Amino acid sequence: MSIHSFVRPGVFDPEALAAMGQAFAAACKALDDTGQPQIVREVIAERIVAAARTGERDPARLLEAALPWLVSE
């Protein structure tokens, strides 16, 4: 599954989609995606899309928006 499943075509440019895809893949990997219910991926994707709508394009910050508890300070 990719972030493209959660984004309407034409809303984001290729650069944004690439960053969003990297963040989504990293979030799923961090959660050890095996066996996670669909809703978990949906929530992650919604958080990434919401951050991207504000103009964020850095995959690490998009990941932080999706899973803030993973970020260590």
Protein backbone atom coordinates (compact mmCIF):
# COMPACT_ATOMS: atom_id res chain seq x y z
CA MET A 1 0.00 0.00 0.00
CA SER A 2 1.25 3.49 -0.80
CA ILE A 3 0.32 7.04 0.10
CA HIS A 4 -1.18 7.38 -3.39
CA SER A 5 -4.18 5.39 -2.18
CA PHE A 6 -5.02 8.26 0.16
CA VAL A 7 -4.43 11.25 -2.11
CA ARG A 8 -6.62 12.58 -4.89
CA PRO A 9 -4.78 12.81 -8.23
CA GLY A 10 -3.45 16.26 -9.08
CA VAL A 11 -3.57 17.67 -5.55
CA PHE A 12 0.18 17.39 -4.88
CA ASP A 13 3.16 17.77 -7.18
CA PRO A 14 5.57 14.86 -7.75
CA GLU A 15 8.09 16.22 -5.21
CA ALA A 16 5.45 16.35 -2.49
CA LEU A 17 4.17 12.88 -3.35
CA ALA A 18 7.69 11.47 -3.18
CA ALA A 19 8.29 13.00 0.26
CA MET A 20 4.88 11.84 1.47
CA GLY A 21 5.56 8.34 0.15
CA GLN A 22 8.91 8.18 1.96
CA ALA A 23 7.30 9.30 5.22
CA PHE A 24 4.43 6.83 4.85
CA ALA A 25 6.77 3.91 4.14
CA ALA A 26 8.99 4.83 7.09
CA ALA A 27 5.97 5.13 9.40
CA CYS A 28 4.63 1.74 8.36
CA LYS A 29 8.08 0.19 8.81
CA ALA A 30 8.46 1.80 12.24
CA LEU A 31 5.16 0.27 13.30
CA ASP A 32 6.20 -3.08 11.89
CA ASP A 33 3.19 -2.90 9.61
CA THR A 34 2.55 -6.64 9.58
CA GLY A 35 -0.90 -7.34 10.90
CA GLN A 36 -1.81 -3.72 11.63
CA PRO A 37 -5.46 -2.91 10.99
CA GLN A 38 -6.26 -0.76 7.98
CA ILE A 39 -7.31 2.12 10.22
CA VAL A 40 -3.73 2.53 11.46
CA ARG A 41 -2.46 3.14 7.94
CA GLU A 42 -5.38 5.49 7.27
CA VAL A 43 -4.59 7.61 10.33
CA ILE A 44 -0.91 7.74 9.40
CA ALA A 45 -1.76 8.78 5.85
CA GLU A 46 -4.24 11.43 7.02
CA ARG A 47 -1.62 12.99 9.29
CA ILE A 48 0.97 13.03 6.51
CA VAL A 49 -1.48 14.55 4.03
CA ALA A 50 -2.52 17.19 6.57
CA ALA A 51 1.11 18.19 7.15
CA ALA A 52 1.78 18.26 3.40
CA ARG A 53 -1.21 20.56 2.89
CA THR A 54 0.54 23.14 5.08
CA GLY A 55 3.52 23.03 2.72
CA GLU A 56 5.75 20.56 4.54
CA ARG A 57 7.95 18.61 2.12
CA ASP A 58 10.63 17.13 4.36
CA PRO A 59 10.07 13.37 4.76
CA ALA A 60 11.45 13.38 8.32
CA ARG A 61 9.06 16.13 9.41
CA LEU A 62 6.16 14.42 7.66
CA LEU A 63 7.05 11.26 9.57
CA GLU A 64 7.15 13.27 12.79
CA ALA A 65 3.66 14.60 12.00
CA ALA A 66 2.40 11.05 11.54
CA LEU A 67 4.16 9.45 14.52
CA PRO A 68 5.35 12.21 16.86
CA TRP A 69 6.16 9.74 19.66
CA LEU A 70 8.91 8.17 17.53
CA VAL A 71 10.99 11.32 17.46
CA SER A 72 13.62 11.41 20.16
CA GLU A 73 15.01 14.71 21.25
